[in-house]
Amino acid sequence: MEPDSGDRRALLRQQLDIAWRFAEGYVIDRVTDEVMLWEPSDNVCTVRRTTEGWVADWPDEENPPLPDTTIAWVLWHIEWWWANAANLAHGRPKMEPGDHAWSGDTEGLVAAKSMWDDVLRDADLDQPVSGFTEDPVPMWLVASWVNFELTKNLAEINQLALLHANATGIVDPARRKPE
């Protein structure tokens, strides 16, 4: 990692790289289909396979308690979040949650990251972005928010994977203590 020279793009890139190292080390190759679709409670948002592909539930935020989520739902959320942010960064319309079908695995996360790398490389960081919040915000704030959201989502995925391991007794061999 290069030292921060005060350049915003370099700082945003470094933040993303830190989160992505966590994704590579603890998510991408460690999350199986079983773990992705495991439901931690009876009150859950997940993704469901339909004839059109994987469709995500959307929580009823007006009637608490909010549901737990599956890892698959969180992966869908990251894909949608990045796709929507990229659309807005390019001046395209906001993408509603129901307009994004989940890819079905962690490869969608890898593809979304590659797309976001291109946005982060090419974007005018001072350009106002409309549709992300109530009022337009500069692209550097959108990029910072995306980095934060990815970090939070990866922590949620790791926590759900740990809950699954503890609930089922199935421990990822890479996480076992050496004997």
Foldseek 3Di string as FASTA:
>chain_A
DDDDPPDLLVVLVVLLVVLVVLCVVQNAPQADLCQQQDAPDPFEWEWDQDPVGTFTDDWPPVDDDTGHYGLRNLQLVLLLLLVQLLCQQVVHDGDDSRNGGGPSGCVSVVVSVVSVVVSSVDGDQQDFGPDPDPGTDGNSVSSVVSSVSSNVSSVSSNVSSVSVCVVPVPDRPVPDDDD
